[in-house]
């Protein structure tokens, strides 16, 4: 959530920000007109509705200046759902909340994906540098799999698949490897159920070629 030290640092270094803001009585009172509009829309449509509002706000003693606050007045099946963010951005209030702030949820999902599926939580070494290297290796693995999704699997059923699914269907598979003087032959089982997808990904990687130096 928003903290004066963090917001001041961003402002001093020309870094834009959007931070969640804990609700309180003053904020909810400022959002009340938006809730009245949301309730009218909800009564007319019979569906959940949301209305956004904005105003300049400062705390009673902890903020050094007024800042732009965007409030979301949402009526759901469970009742009122007020949310607040403080931002330095000049975007439309709805865009600030839905396109910028809500995107953090997908970021958190990506972090969780690396933690749970690529062993980023295995940091039980006694030395900090040991744990750092483990985390680096996990991060490199994630980047490689994300590049596989982006380059080789675009437009396929696995374009948005989790890392664990990619590992299970494309990497963790049985094969016979034969090494000759000039080549390494990899023979997949004829019963492998994802042959076409594997071939598609392989061909896409070949077309992409190595990154320019």
N, C-alpha and C. Protein backbone atom coordinates (compact mmCIF):
# COMPACT_ATOMS: atom_id res chain seq x y z
N UNK A 1 0.82 -1.20 0.00
CA UNK A 1 0.00 0.00 0.00
C UNK A 1 0.87 1.26 0.00
N UNK A 2 0.21 2.39 -0.21
CA UNK A 2 0.92 3.66 -0.35
C UNK A 2 1.63 4.06 0.94
N UNK A 3 2.88 4.48 0.79
CA UNK A 3 3.66 5.00 1.90
C UNK A 3 4.31 6.30 1.46
N UNK A 4 4.36 7.28 2.34
CA UNK A 4 4.92 8.58 2.00
C UNK A 4 6.35 8.48 1.49
N UNK A 5 7.19 7.69 2.16
CA UNK A 5 8.59 7.59 1.75
C UNK A 5 8.71 7.03 0.33
N UNK A 6 7.88 6.05 0.01
CA UNK A 6 7.94 5.44 -1.31
C UNK A 6 7.43 6.39 -2.39
N UNK A 7 6.31 7.04 -2.12
CA UNK A 7 5.76 7.97 -3.11
C UNK A 7 6.69 9.17 -3.31
N UNK A 8 7.26 9.67 -2.24
CA UNK A 8 8.18 10.81 -2.36
C UNK A 8 9.41 10.44 -3.17
N UNK A 9 9.93 9.22 -2.95
CA UNK A 9 11.10 8.79 -3.72
C UNK A 9 10.75 8.73 -5.20
N UNK A 10 9.59 8.17 -5.53
CA UNK A 10 9.18 8.08 -6.93
C UNK A 10 9.06 9.47 -7.55
N UNK A 11 8.48 10.39 -6.83
CA UNK A 11 8.31 11.75 -7.36
C UNK A 11 9.65 12.45 -7.53
N UNK A 12 10.57 12.26 -6.62
CA UNK A 12 11.88 12.89 -6.72
C UNK A 12 12.69 12.34 -7.88
N UNK A 13 12.44 11.07 -8.25
CA UNK A 13 13.22 10.43 -9.32
C UNK A 13 12.41 10.27 -10.61
N UNK A 14 11.30 10.98 -10.72
CA UNK A 14 10.48 10.97 -11.94
C UNK A 14 10.02 9.57 -12.31
N UNK A 15 9.61 8.81 -11.32
CA UNK A 15 9.08 7.45 -11.52
C UNK A 15 7.58 7.49 -11.26
N UNK A 16 6.78 7.15 -12.27
CA UNK A 16 5.33 7.12 -12.07
C UNK A 16 4.95 5.91 -11.23
N UNK A 17 3.81 6.01 -10.58
CA UNK A 17 3.41 4.93 -9.68
C UNK A 17 1.89 4.81 -9.62
N UNK A 18 1.43 3.62 -9.25
CA UNK A 18 0.04 3.35 -8.88
C UNK A 18 0.10 2.44 -7.67
N UNK A 19 -0.35 2.91 -6.52
CA UNK A 19 -0.32 2.13 -5.29
C UNK A 19 -1.74 1.94 -4.75
N UNK A 20 -2.00 0.76 -4.22
CA UNK A 20 -3.25 0.54 -3.53
C UNK A 20 -3.33 1.39 -2.28
N UNK A 21 -4.53 1.85 -1.99
CA UNK A 21 -4.74 2.75 -0.86
C UNK A 21 -5.79 2.14 0.05
N UNK A 22 -5.45 1.95 1.31
CA UNK A 22 -6.38 1.34 2.26
C UNK A 22 -7.59 2.25 2.46
N UNK A 23 -8.76 1.65 2.52
CA UNK A 23 -9.98 2.44 2.68
C UNK A 23 -10.08 3.02 4.09
N UNK A 24 -10.72 4.15 4.18
CA UNK A 24 -11.04 4.76 5.48
C UNK A 24 -12.30 5.59 5.31
N UNK A 25 -12.76 6.18 6.39
CA UNK A 25 -14.01 6.92 6.35
C UNK A 25 -14.00 8.10 5.41
N UNK A 26 -12.89 8.83 5.35
CA UNK A 26 -12.80 10.00 4.47
C UNK A 26 -12.85 9.58 3.01
N UNK A 27 -12.15 8.52 2.66
CA UNK A 27 -12.15 8.05 1.27
C UNK A 27 -13.53 7.54 0.88
N UNK A 28 -14.16 6.79 1.75
CA UNK A 28 -15.46 6.23 1.41
C UNK A 28 -16.52 7.33 1.30
N UNK A 29 -16.39 8.39 2.11
CA UNK A 29 -17.32 9.51 1.99
C UNK A 29 -17.14 10.22 0.64
N UNK A 30 -15.89 10.36 0.20
CA UNK A 30 -15.63 11.00 -1.09
C UNK A 30 -16.17 10.17 -2.25
N UNK A 31 -16.25 8.85 -2.07
CA UNK A 31 -16.71 7.96 -3.13
C UNK A 31 -18.23 7.77 -3.11
N UNK A 32 -18.91 8.31 -2.13
CA UNK A 32 -20.35 8.09 -1.99
C UNK A 32 -21.15 8.53 -3.22
N UNK A 33 -20.88 9.70 -3.83
CA UNK A 33 -21.63 10.07 -5.04
C UNK A 33 -21.47 9.04 -6.17
N UNK A 34 -20.29 8.46 -6.30
CA UNK A 34 -20.08 7.44 -7.32
C UNK A 34 -20.89 6.19 -7.01
N UNK A 35 -21.01 5.85 -5.74
CA UNK A 35 -21.83 4.70 -5.36
C UNK A 35 -23.31 4.95 -5.66
N UNK A 36 -23.75 6.18 -5.51
CA UNK A 36 -25.14 6.49 -5.84
C UNK A 36 -25.39 6.28 -7.33
N UNK A 37 -24.44 6.68 -8.17
CA UNK A 37 -24.58 6.46 -9.61
C UNK A 37 -24.53 4.97 -9.93
N UNK A 38 -23.63 4.23 -9.26
CA UNK A 38 -23.51 2.80 -9.51
C UNK A 38 -24.78 2.07 -9.10
N UNK A 39 -25.39 2.48 -8.00
CA UNK A 39 -26.63 1.85 -7.55
C UNK A 39 -27.76 2.10 -8.55
N UNK A 40 -27.81 3.29 -9.13
CA UNK A 40 -28.83 3.59 -10.13
C UNK A 40 -28.63 2.74 -11.38
N UNK A 41 -27.39 2.59 -11.81
CA UNK A 41 -27.10 1.74 -12.97
C UNK A 41 -27.45 0.29 -12.69
N UNK A 42 -27.13 -0.16 -11.49
CA UNK A 42 -27.41 -1.55 -11.10
C UNK A 42 -28.91 -1.81 -11.06
N UNK A 43 -29.67 -0.85 -10.55
CA UNK A 43 -31.13 -1.01 -10.49
C UNK A 43 -31.72 -1.06 -11.89
N UNK A 44 -31.14 -0.31 -12.83
CA UNK A 44 -31.66 -0.28 -14.20
C UNK A 44 -31.29 -1.53 -14.99
N UNK A 45 -30.09 -2.06 -14.76
CA UNK A 45 -29.61 -3.19 -15.56
C UNK A 45 -29.84 -4.54 -14.91
N UNK A 46 -29.94 -4.55 -13.58
CA UNK A 46 -30.05 -5.83 -12.88
C UNK A 46 -28.74 -6.59 -12.83
N UNK A 47 -27.66 -5.93 -13.20
CA UNK A 47 -26.34 -6.55 -13.24
C UNK A 47 -25.38 -5.77 -12.33
N UNK A 48 -24.26 -6.41 -11.94
CA UNK A 48 -23.24 -5.66 -11.20
C UNK A 48 -22.74 -4.47 -12.03
N UNK A 49 -22.48 -3.38 -11.38
CA UNK A 49 -22.02 -2.17 -12.06
C UNK A 49 -20.88 -1.54 -11.28
N UNK A 50 -20.06 -0.78 -11.99
CA UNK A 50 -18.97 -0.05 -11.34
C UNK A 50 -18.87 1.35 -11.94
N UNK A 51 -18.52 2.30 -11.11
CA UNK A 51 -18.32 3.69 -11.52
C UNK A 51 -17.01 4.17 -10.91
N UNK A 52 -16.24 4.92 -11.68
CA UNK A 52 -14.96 5.44 -11.19
C UNK A 52 -15.07 6.93 -10.92
N UNK A 53 -14.35 7.37 -9.92
CA UNK A 53 -14.28 8.80 -9.61
C UNK A 53 -12.83 9.12 -9.22
N UNK A 54 -12.51 10.40 -9.15
CA UNK A 54 -11.16 10.80 -8.75
C UNK A 54 -11.20 12.14 -8.05
N UNK A 55 -10.21 12.39 -7.23
CA UNK A 55 -10.10 13.65 -6.51
C UNK A 55 -8.68 13.77 -5.95
N UNK A 56 -8.33 14.96 -5.54
CA UNK A 56 -7.05 15.19 -4.89
C UNK A 56 -7.23 14.93 -3.39
N UNK A 57 -6.28 14.19 -2.84
CA UNK A 57 -6.46 13.73 -1.46
C UNK A 57 -5.13 13.82 -0.72
N UNK A 58 -5.22 14.08 0.56
CA UNK A 58 -4.06 14.02 1.44
C UNK A 58 -4.51 13.49 2.79
N UNK A 59 -3.65 12.74 3.43
CA UNK A 59 -3.97 12.27 4.77
C UNK A 59 -3.88 13.43 5.77
N UNK A 60 -4.33 13.18 6.96
CA UNK A 60 -4.33 14.23 7.98
C UNK A 60 -2.93 14.62 8.42
N UNK A 61 -2.00 13.63 8.43
CA UNK A 61 -0.66 13.97 8.93
C UNK A 61 0.50 13.23 8.28
N UNK A 62 0.25 12.15 7.54
CA UNK A 62 1.38 11.34 7.06
C UNK A 62 1.86 11.68 5.65
N UNK A 63 1.03 12.31 4.83
CA UNK A 63 1.45 12.69 3.48
C UNK A 63 1.97 14.12 3.48
N UNK A 64 2.96 14.36 2.63
CA UNK A 64 3.55 15.70 2.54
C UNK A 64 2.79 16.61 1.59
N UNK A 65 1.92 16.06 0.76
CA UNK A 65 1.21 16.85 -0.24
C UNK A 65 -0.04 16.11 -0.69
N UNK A 66 -0.90 16.81 -1.42
CA UNK A 66 -2.07 16.17 -2.02
C UNK A 66 -1.65 15.35 -3.22
N UNK A 67 -2.36 14.24 -3.43
CA UNK A 67 -2.07 13.38 -4.57
C UNK A 67 -3.38 12.91 -5.19
N UNK A 68 -3.29 12.50 -6.46
CA UNK A 68 -4.49 12.06 -7.17
C UNK A 68 -4.91 10.68 -6.69
N UNK A 69 -6.17 10.55 -6.29
CA UNK A 69 -6.73 9.27 -5.88
C UNK A 69 -7.85 8.89 -6.85
N UNK A 70 -7.83 7.64 -7.28
CA UNK A 70 -8.90 7.09 -8.11
C UNK A 70 -9.68 6.09 -7.26
N UNK A 71 -10.99 6.25 -7.23
CA UNK A 71 -11.84 5.34 -6.47
C UNK A 71 -12.75 4.54 -7.38
N UNK A 72 -12.94 3.28 -7.04
CA UNK A 72 -13.87 2.43 -7.78
C UNK A 72 -15.07 2.13 -6.89
N UNK A 73 -16.25 2.55 -7.34
CA UNK A 73 -17.50 2.25 -6.64
C UNK A 73 -18.17 1.10 -7.38
N UNK A 74 -18.11 -0.08 -6.83
CA UNK A 74 -18.63 -1.27 -7.49
C UNK A 74 -19.75 -1.89 -6.66
N UNK A 75 -20.84 -2.23 -7.34
CA UNK A 75 -21.94 -2.95 -6.72
C UNK A 75 -21.93 -4.37 -7.27
N UNK A 76 -21.72 -5.35 -6.41
CA UNK A 76 -21.70 -6.76 -6.81
C UNK A 76 -22.87 -7.48 -6.16
N UNK A 77 -22.96 -8.78 -6.42
CA UNK A 77 -24.01 -9.58 -5.79
C UNK A 77 -23.84 -9.63 -4.28
N UNK A 78 -22.63 -9.38 -3.82
CA UNK A 78 -22.35 -9.40 -2.39
C UNK A 78 -22.49 -8.03 -1.73
N UNK A 79 -22.76 -7.01 -2.53
CA UNK A 79 -22.91 -5.68 -1.97
C UNK A 79 -21.87 -4.71 -2.50
N UNK A 80 -21.57 -3.69 -1.72
CA UNK A 80 -20.63 -2.65 -2.15
C UNK A 80 -19.19 -3.15 -2.07
N UNK A 81 -18.39 -2.75 -3.06
CA UNK A 81 -16.98 -3.15 -3.11
C UNK A 81 -16.12 -1.94 -3.46
N UNK A 82 -15.84 -1.08 -2.49
CA UNK A 82 -15.02 0.11 -2.77
C UNK A 82 -13.53 -0.23 -2.85
N UNK A 83 -12.84 0.39 -3.79
CA UNK A 83 -11.39 0.23 -3.92
C UNK A 83 -10.78 1.59 -4.25
N UNK A 84 -9.53 1.78 -3.79
CA UNK A 84 -8.86 3.07 -3.98
C UNK A 84 -7.41 2.86 -4.38
N UNK A 85 -6.93 3.71 -5.29
CA UNK A 85 -5.51 3.74 -5.62
C UNK A 85 -5.05 5.19 -5.66
N UNK A 86 -3.79 5.40 -5.37
CA UNK A 86 -3.18 6.73 -5.50
C UNK A 86 -2.16 6.64 -6.62
N UNK A 87 -2.13 7.64 -7.48
CA UNK A 87 -1.29 7.54 -8.67
C UNK A 87 -0.72 8.89 -9.09
N UNK A 88 0.40 8.82 -9.79
CA UNK A 88 0.99 10.01 -10.41
C UNK A 88 0.66 10.08 -11.89
N UNK A 89 0.03 9.04 -12.43
CA UNK A 89 -0.28 8.98 -13.85
C UNK A 89 -1.42 9.93 -14.20
N UNK A 90 -1.43 10.39 -15.45
CA UNK A 90 -2.48 11.29 -15.92
C UNK A 90 -3.46 10.58 -16.84
N UNK A 91 -3.45 9.26 -16.85
CA UNK A 91 -4.36 8.49 -17.68
C UNK A 91 -5.79 8.62 -17.17
N UNK A 92 -6.74 8.23 -18.04
CA UNK A 92 -8.14 8.16 -17.64
C UNK A 92 -8.29 7.30 -16.40
N UNK A 93 -9.19 7.67 -15.51
CA UNK A 93 -9.32 6.99 -14.22
C UNK A 93 -9.61 5.50 -14.37
N UNK A 94 -10.45 5.13 -15.34
CA UNK A 94 -10.75 3.72 -15.55
C UNK A 94 -9.53 2.97 -16.06
N UNK A 95 -8.77 3.60 -16.95
CA UNK A 95 -7.55 2.98 -17.47
C UNK A 95 -6.52 2.79 -16.37
N UNK A 96 -6.41 3.76 -15.48
CA UNK A 96 -5.47 3.63 -14.36
C UNK A 96 -5.77 2.39 -13.55
N UNK A 97 -7.04 2.17 -13.25
CA UNK A 97 -7.39 1.04 -12.39
C UNK A 97 -7.39 -0.28 -13.15
N UNK A 98 -8.07 -0.33 -14.28
CA UNK A 98 -8.28 -1.61 -14.96
C UNK A 98 -7.07 -2.05 -15.77
N UNK A 99 -6.41 -1.13 -16.45
CA UNK A 99 -5.30 -1.52 -17.32
C UNK A 99 -3.95 -1.53 -16.61
N UNK A 100 -3.76 -0.64 -15.66
CA UNK A 100 -2.47 -0.54 -14.98
C UNK A 100 -2.49 -1.28 -13.64
N UNK A 101 -3.38 -0.88 -12.75
CA UNK A 101 -3.36 -1.45 -11.40
C UNK A 101 -3.74 -2.93 -11.40
N UNK A 102 -4.80 -3.29 -12.12
CA UNK A 102 -5.24 -4.69 -12.11
C UNK A 102 -4.24 -5.62 -12.78
N UNK A 103 -3.36 -5.07 -13.61
CA UNK A 103 -2.35 -5.91 -14.27
C UNK A 103 -1.39 -6.53 -13.27
N UNK A 104 -1.33 -5.96 -12.05
CA UNK A 104 -0.44 -6.53 -11.05
C UNK A 104 -0.84 -7.96 -10.71
N UNK A 105 -2.14 -8.29 -10.88
CA UNK A 105 -2.59 -9.65 -10.59
C UNK A 105 -1.91 -10.66 -11.49
N UNK A 106 -1.77 -10.31 -12.79
CA UNK A 106 -1.09 -11.23 -13.70
C UNK A 106 0.39 -11.31 -13.37
N UNK A 107 0.99 -10.20 -12.95
CA UNK A 107 2.40 -10.24 -12.54
C UNK A 107 2.58 -11.18 -11.35
N UNK A 108 1.67 -11.10 -10.41
CA UNK A 108 1.76 -11.97 -9.24
C UNK A 108 1.60 -13.43 -9.64
N UNK A 109 0.75 -13.70 -10.63
CA UNK A 109 0.58 -15.07 -11.11
C UNK A 109 1.86 -15.60 -11.74
N UNK A 110 2.58 -14.73 -12.46
CA UNK A 110 3.83 -15.16 -13.09
C UNK A 110 4.89 -15.46 -12.02
N UNK A 111 4.93 -14.63 -10.98
CA UNK A 111 5.87 -14.89 -9.88
C UNK A 111 5.53 -16.21 -9.21
N UNK A 112 4.25 -16.44 -8.97
CA UNK A 112 3.81 -17.68 -8.32
C UNK A 112 4.13 -18.88 -9.21
N UNK A 113 3.99 -18.71 -10.53
CA UNK A 113 4.30 -19.79 -11.47
C UNK A 113 5.77 -20.20 -11.34
N UNK A 114 6.65 -19.22 -11.27
CA UNK A 114 8.07 -19.54 -11.12
C UNK A 114 8.35 -20.17 -9.76
N UNK A 115 7.72 -19.66 -8.73
CA UNK A 115 7.95 -20.20 -7.39
C UNK A 115 7.52 -21.66 -7.28
N UNK A 116 6.32 -21.95 -7.75
CA UNK A 116 5.73 -23.26 -7.52
C UNK A 116 6.13 -24.29 -8.57
N UNK A 117 6.42 -23.85 -9.80
CA UNK A 117 6.64 -24.80 -10.89
C UNK A 117 8.09 -24.88 -11.35
N UNK A 118 8.89 -23.90 -10.97
CA UNK A 118 10.31 -23.91 -11.35
C UNK A 118 11.21 -23.79 -10.12
N UNK A 119 10.67 -24.16 -8.97
CA UNK A 119 11.46 -24.36 -7.75
C UNK A 119 12.19 -23.10 -7.28
N UNK A 120 11.58 -21.93 -7.48
CA UNK A 120 12.22 -20.69 -7.03
C UNK A 120 12.20 -20.54 -5.52
N UNK A 121 11.46 -21.40 -4.84
CA UNK A 121 11.42 -21.31 -3.37
C UNK A 121 12.49 -22.18 -2.71
N UNK A 122 13.27 -22.89 -3.50
CA UNK A 122 14.31 -23.75 -2.92
C UNK A 122 15.55 -22.91 -2.58
N UNK A 123 15.45 -22.19 -1.51
CA UNK A 123 16.54 -21.31 -1.09
C UNK A 123 16.93 -21.65 0.35
N UNK A 124 17.20 -22.93 0.58
CA UNK A 124 17.50 -23.38 1.94
C UNK A 124 19.00 -23.51 2.19
N UNK A 125 19.82 -23.03 1.25
CA UNK A 125 21.27 -23.10 1.45
C UNK A 125 21.73 -22.21 2.59
N UNK A 126 22.86 -22.56 3.20
CA UNK A 126 23.37 -21.78 4.33
C UNK A 126 23.91 -20.42 3.88
N UNK A 127 24.41 -20.36 2.66
CA UNK A 127 25.04 -19.13 2.17
C UNK A 127 24.09 -18.37 1.25
N UNK A 128 24.09 -17.05 1.36
CA UNK A 128 23.23 -16.22 0.53
C UNK A 128 23.54 -16.41 -0.95
N UNK A 129 24.83 -16.50 -1.31
CA UNK A 129 25.18 -16.61 -2.72
C UNK A 129 24.72 -17.93 -3.32
N UNK A 130 24.65 -18.97 -2.50
CA UNK A 130 24.13 -20.25 -2.99
C UNK A 130 22.66 -20.10 -3.36
N UNK A 131 21.90 -19.49 -2.49
CA UNK A 131 20.48 -19.27 -2.76
C UNK A 131 20.27 -18.32 -3.93
N UNK A 132 21.17 -17.35 -4.07
CA UNK A 132 21.06 -16.41 -5.18
C UNK A 132 21.26 -17.13 -6.51
N UNK A 133 22.23 -18.02 -6.57
CA UNK A 133 22.47 -18.78 -7.81
C UNK A 133 21.28 -19.67 -8.13
N UNK A 134 20.71 -20.30 -7.11
CA UNK A 134 19.52 -21.12 -7.33
C UNK A 134 18.38 -20.29 -7.93
N UNK A 135 18.20 -19.10 -7.39
CA UNK A 135 17.13 -18.23 -7.90
C UNK A 135 17.44 -17.77 -9.32
N UNK A 136 18.70 -17.49 -9.61
CA UNK A 136 19.08 -17.14 -10.98
C UNK A 136 18.75 -18.27 -11.95
N UNK A 137 19.11 -19.49 -11.58
CA UNK A 137 18.84 -20.62 -12.46
C UNK A 137 17.35 -20.79 -12.70
N UNK A 138 16.56 -20.63 -11.65
CA UNK A 138 15.12 -20.71 -11.80
C UNK A 138 14.60 -19.61 -12.73
N UNK A 139 15.17 -18.41 -12.61
CA UNK A 139 14.74 -17.28 -13.44
C UNK A 139 15.11 -17.51 -14.90
N UNK A 140 16.30 -18.05 -15.14
CA UNK A 140 16.71 -18.36 -16.52
C UNK A 140 15.79 -19.41 -17.12
N UNK A 141 15.43 -20.42 -16.33
CA UNK A 141 14.51 -21.46 -16.81
C UNK A 141 13.17 -20.85 -17.18
N UNK A 142 12.69 -19.92 -16.36
CA UNK A 142 11.41 -19.28 -16.67
C UNK A 142 11.50 -18.47 -17.97
N UNK A 143 12.59 -17.73 -18.14
CA UNK A 143 12.75 -16.93 -19.36
C UNK A 143 12.78 -17.81 -20.60
N UNK A 144 13.45 -18.95 -20.50
CA UNK A 144 13.52 -19.87 -21.64
C UNK A 144 12.14 -20.42 -21.99
N UNK A 145 11.38 -20.82 -20.97
CA UNK A 145 10.05 -21.37 -21.23
C UNK A 145 9.10 -20.28 -21.72
N UNK A 146 9.24 -19.08 -21.21
CA UNK A 146 8.39 -17.99 -21.68
C UNK A 146 8.70 -17.66 -23.13
N UNK A 147 9.98 -17.72 -23.49
CA UNK A 147 10.36 -17.50 -24.90
C UNK A 147 9.83 -18.62 -25.78
N UNK A 148 9.82 -19.84 -25.26
CA UNK A 148 9.25 -20.97 -25.99
C UNK A 148 7.77 -20.71 -26.28
N UNK A 149 7.05 -20.23 -25.29
CA UNK A 149 5.63 -19.90 -25.50
C UNK A 149 5.47 -18.81 -26.55
N UNK A 150 6.29 -17.79 -26.45
CA UNK A 150 6.14 -16.62 -27.31
C UNK A 150 6.54 -16.89 -28.75
N UNK A 151 7.65 -17.60 -28.93
CA UNK A 151 8.20 -17.80 -30.27
C UNK A 151 7.68 -19.06 -30.94
N UNK A 152 7.67 -20.17 -30.20
CA UNK A 152 7.39 -21.46 -30.82
C UNK A 152 5.96 -21.94 -30.67
N UNK A 153 5.22 -21.39 -29.72
CA UNK A 153 3.88 -21.93 -29.44
C UNK A 153 2.78 -20.91 -29.68
N UNK A 154 3.10 -19.78 -30.27
CA UNK A 154 2.07 -18.77 -30.56
C UNK A 154 1.00 -19.37 -31.47
N UNK A 155 -0.25 -19.16 -31.10
CA UNK A 155 -1.35 -19.68 -31.91
C UNK A 155 -1.69 -21.13 -31.68
N UNK A 156 -1.01 -21.78 -30.74
CA UNK A 156 -1.29 -23.19 -30.44
C UNK A 156 -2.03 -23.29 -29.11
N UNK A 157 -2.43 -24.52 -28.78
CA UNK A 157 -3.15 -24.76 -27.52
C UNK A 157 -2.27 -24.49 -26.30
N UNK A 158 -0.95 -24.45 -26.49
CA UNK A 158 -0.04 -24.24 -25.37
C UNK A 158 0.52 -22.82 -25.32
N UNK A 159 -0.07 -21.92 -26.08
CA UNK A 159 0.46 -20.55 -26.14
C UNK A 159 0.43 -19.85 -24.79
N UNK A 160 -0.52 -20.22 -23.95
CA UNK A 160 -0.62 -19.61 -22.62
C UNK A 160 -0.52 -20.66 -21.52
N UNK A 161 0.05 -21.80 -21.84
CA UNK A 161 0.14 -22.89 -20.86
C UNK A 161 1.13 -22.56 -19.75
N UNK A 162 0.89 -23.14 -18.58
CA UNK A 162 1.82 -22.98 -17.47
C UNK A 162 3.13 -23.70 -17.76
N UNK A 163 4.17 -23.30 -17.06
CA UNK A 163 5.48 -23.93 -17.23
C UNK A 163 5.42 -25.43 -16.94
N UNK A 164 4.65 -25.81 -15.94
CA UNK A 164 4.55 -27.23 -15.59
C UNK A 164 3.93 -28.03 -16.73
N UNK A 165 2.98 -27.43 -17.45
CA UNK A 165 2.36 -28.11 -18.59
C UNK A 165 3.35 -28.25 -19.74
N UNK A 166 4.12 -27.21 -20.01
CA UNK A 166 5.13 -27.28 -21.07
C UNK A 166 6.16 -28.36 -20.75
N UNK A 167 6.59 -28.41 -19.50
CA UNK A 167 7.58 -29.41 -19.11
C UNK A 167 7.02 -30.81 -19.27
N UNK A 168 5.77 -31.01 -18.88
CA UNK A 168 5.16 -32.33 -18.94
C UNK A 168 4.92 -32.80 -20.37
N UNK A 169 4.47 -31.89 -21.24
CA UNK A 169 4.06 -32.29 -22.59
C UNK A 169 5.16 -32.21 -23.63
N UNK A 170 6.14 -31.31 -23.43
CA UNK A 170 7.15 -31.12 -24.46
C UNK A 170 8.57 -31.46 -24.03
N UNK A 171 8.85 -31.46 -22.75
CA UNK A 171 10.22 -31.66 -22.29
C UNK A 171 10.42 -32.97 -21.54
N UNK A 172 9.54 -33.29 -20.66
CA UNK A 172 9.69 -34.48 -19.82
C UNK A 172 9.07 -35.68 -20.52
N UNK A 173 9.69 -36.07 -21.62
CA UNK A 173 9.15 -37.16 -22.45
C UNK A 173 10.25 -38.17 -22.73
N UNK A 174 9.84 -39.40 -22.99
CA UNK A 174 10.80 -40.46 -23.28
C UNK A 174 11.31 -40.38 -24.72
N UNK A 175 12.57 -40.66 -24.91
CA UNK A 175 13.16 -40.64 -26.26
C UNK A 175 14.40 -41.52 -26.28
N UNK A 176 14.75 -41.99 -27.47
CA UNK A 176 15.99 -42.75 -27.65
C UNK A 176 17.01 -41.84 -28.34
N UNK A 177 18.18 -41.74 -27.75
CA UNK A 177 19.22 -40.85 -28.27
C UNK A 177 20.36 -41.68 -28.84
N UNK A 178 20.73 -41.37 -30.08
CA UNK A 178 21.83 -42.08 -30.74
C UNK A 178 22.82 -41.06 -31.25
N UNK A 179 24.07 -41.19 -30.86
CA UNK A 179 25.11 -40.24 -31.23
C UNK A 179 26.00 -40.86 -32.30
N UNK A 180 26.13 -40.16 -33.44
CA UNK A 180 27.04 -40.60 -34.50
C UNK A 180 28.16 -39.57 -34.62
N UNK A 181 29.02 -39.76 -35.58
CA UNK A 181 30.17 -38.87 -35.74
C UNK A 181 29.74 -37.45 -36.07
N UNK A 182 28.63 -37.30 -36.77
CA UNK A 182 28.22 -35.98 -37.23
C UNK A 182 26.91 -35.48 -36.62
N UNK A 183 26.11 -36.36 -36.07
CA UNK A 183 24.79 -35.93 -35.61
C UNK A 183 24.41 -36.60 -34.30
N UNK A 184 23.45 -35.99 -33.65
CA UNK A 184 22.80 -36.61 -32.49
C UNK A 184 21.35 -36.85 -32.89
N UNK A 185 20.94 -38.13 -32.93
CA UNK A 185 19.59 -38.49 -33.34
C UNK A 185 18.72 -38.67 -32.10
N UNK A 186 17.58 -37.99 -32.10
CA UNK A 186 16.60 -38.13 -31.01
C UNK A 186 15.34 -38.73 -31.61
N UNK A 187 15.01 -39.93 -31.17
CA UNK A 187 13.84 -40.64 -31.69
C UNK A 187 12.75 -40.68 -30.62
N UNK A 188 11.61 -40.07 -30.93
CA UNK A 188 10.49 -40.09 -30.00
C UNK A 188 9.66 -41.35 -30.20
N UNK A 189 8.97 -41.75 -29.18
CA UNK A 189 8.11 -42.93 -29.28
C UNK A 189 6.96 -42.65 -30.24
N UNK A 190 6.58 -43.67 -31.01
CA UNK A 190 5.48 -43.50 -31.96
C UNK A 190 4.16 -43.23 -31.25
N UNK A 191 4.07 -43.58 -29.98
CA UNK A 191 2.84 -43.35 -29.22
C UNK A 191 2.81 -41.99 -28.52
N UNK A 192 3.85 -41.20 -28.70
CA UNK A 192 3.91 -39.88 -28.06
C UNK A 192 2.72 -39.05 -28.55
N UNK A 193 1.85 -38.58 -27.66
CA UNK A 193 0.58 -37.97 -28.08
C UNK A 193 0.69 -36.54 -28.61
N UNK A 194 1.85 -35.90 -28.46
CA UNK A 194 1.95 -34.50 -28.87
C UNK A 194 3.00 -34.32 -29.97
N UNK A 195 3.08 -35.29 -30.87
CA UNK A 195 4.10 -35.24 -31.92
C UNK A 195 3.96 -34.01 -32.81
N UNK A 196 2.73 -33.71 -33.24
CA UNK A 196 2.53 -32.58 -34.14
C UNK A 196 2.89 -31.26 -33.47
N UNK A 197 2.53 -31.12 -32.21
CA UNK A 197 2.84 -29.90 -31.48
C UNK A 197 4.35 -29.76 -31.27
N UNK A 198 5.01 -30.87 -30.96
CA UNK A 198 6.46 -30.86 -30.78
C UNK A 198 7.13 -30.45 -32.08
N UNK A 199 6.69 -31.03 -33.21
CA UNK A 199 7.27 -30.71 -34.51
C UNK A 199 7.03 -29.24 -34.87
N UNK A 200 5.85 -28.75 -34.54
CA UNK A 200 5.53 -27.34 -34.82
C UNK A 200 6.47 -26.42 -34.04
N UNK A 201 6.66 -26.71 -32.75
CA UNK A 201 7.53 -25.88 -31.92
C UNK A 201 8.97 -25.94 -32.41
N UNK A 202 9.42 -27.14 -32.76
CA UNK A 202 10.80 -27.31 -33.24
C UNK A 202 11.02 -26.52 -34.53
N UNK A 203 10.07 -26.60 -35.45
CA UNK A 203 10.20 -25.88 -36.72
C UNK A 203 10.19 -24.36 -36.49
N UNK A 204 9.36 -23.91 -35.56
CA UNK A 204 9.30 -22.47 -35.28
C UNK A 204 10.61 -21.97 -34.69
N UNK A 205 11.23 -22.76 -33.82
CA UNK A 205 12.52 -22.38 -33.25
C UNK A 205 13.61 -22.35 -34.32
N UNK A 206 13.56 -23.31 -35.24
CA UNK A 206 14.54 -23.31 -36.34
C UNK A 206 14.39 -22.06 -37.21
N UNK A 207 13.14 -21.68 -37.51
CA UNK A 207 12.92 -20.49 -38.33
C UNK A 207 13.38 -19.23 -37.62
N UNK A 208 13.18 -19.19 -36.31
CA UNK A 208 13.58 -18.01 -35.55
C UNK A 208 15.08 -17.82 -35.57
N UNK A 209 15.82 -18.93 -35.52
CA UNK A 209 17.28 -18.86 -35.57
C UNK A 209 17.86 -18.24 -34.32
N UNK A 210 19.18 -18.16 -34.25
CA UNK A 210 19.84 -17.56 -33.07
C UNK A 210 19.63 -16.06 -33.04
N UNK A 211 19.65 -15.50 -31.85
CA UNK A 211 19.52 -14.05 -31.69
C UNK A 211 20.75 -13.37 -32.28
N UNK A 212 20.58 -12.20 -32.90
CA UNK A 212 21.75 -11.49 -33.46
C UNK A 212 22.73 -11.11 -32.37
N UNK A 213 24.00 -11.17 -32.69
CA UNK A 213 25.05 -10.85 -31.71
C UNK A 213 25.05 -9.36 -31.42
